[in-house]
Amino acid sequence: KLELKKFCKWCKKHTLHKEAKIGR
């Protein structure tokens, strides 16, 4: 389950980066 938490953190970061790209 710890791996899932790590992935979730990465997923959040990736989504944030994607959103920033779209915002541009």
Protein backbone atom coordinates (compact mmCIF):
# COMPACT_ATOMS: atom_id res chain seq x y z
CA LYS A 1 0.00 0.00 0.00
CA LEU A 2 2.98 2.29 0.53
CA GLU A 3 3.78 1.97 -3.17
CA LEU A 4 0.27 3.13 -4.02
CA LYS A 5 0.75 6.22 -1.86
CA LYS A 6 4.01 6.98 -3.65
CA PHE A 7 2.32 6.54 -7.03
CA CYS A 8 -0.56 8.77 -5.93
CA LYS A 9 1.93 11.50 -5.04
CA TRP A 10 3.56 11.16 -8.47
CA CYS A 11 0.17 11.08 -10.16
CA LYS A 12 -0.80 14.31 -8.41
CA LYS A 13 2.45 15.97 -9.46
CA HIS A 14 2.03 14.76 -13.04
CA THR A 15 -1.58 15.98 -13.17
CA LEU A 16 -0.53 19.36 -11.82
CA HIS A 17 2.16 19.64 -14.49
CA LYS A 18 -0.33 18.60 -17.19
CA GLU A 19 -2.83 21.20 -15.99
CA ALA A 20 -0.14 23.89 -16.03
CA LYS A 21 0.75 22.94 -19.61
CA ILE A 22 -2.89 23.17 -20.70
CA GLY A 23 -3.25 26.49 -18.87
CA ARG A 24 -0.43 27.89 -20.99
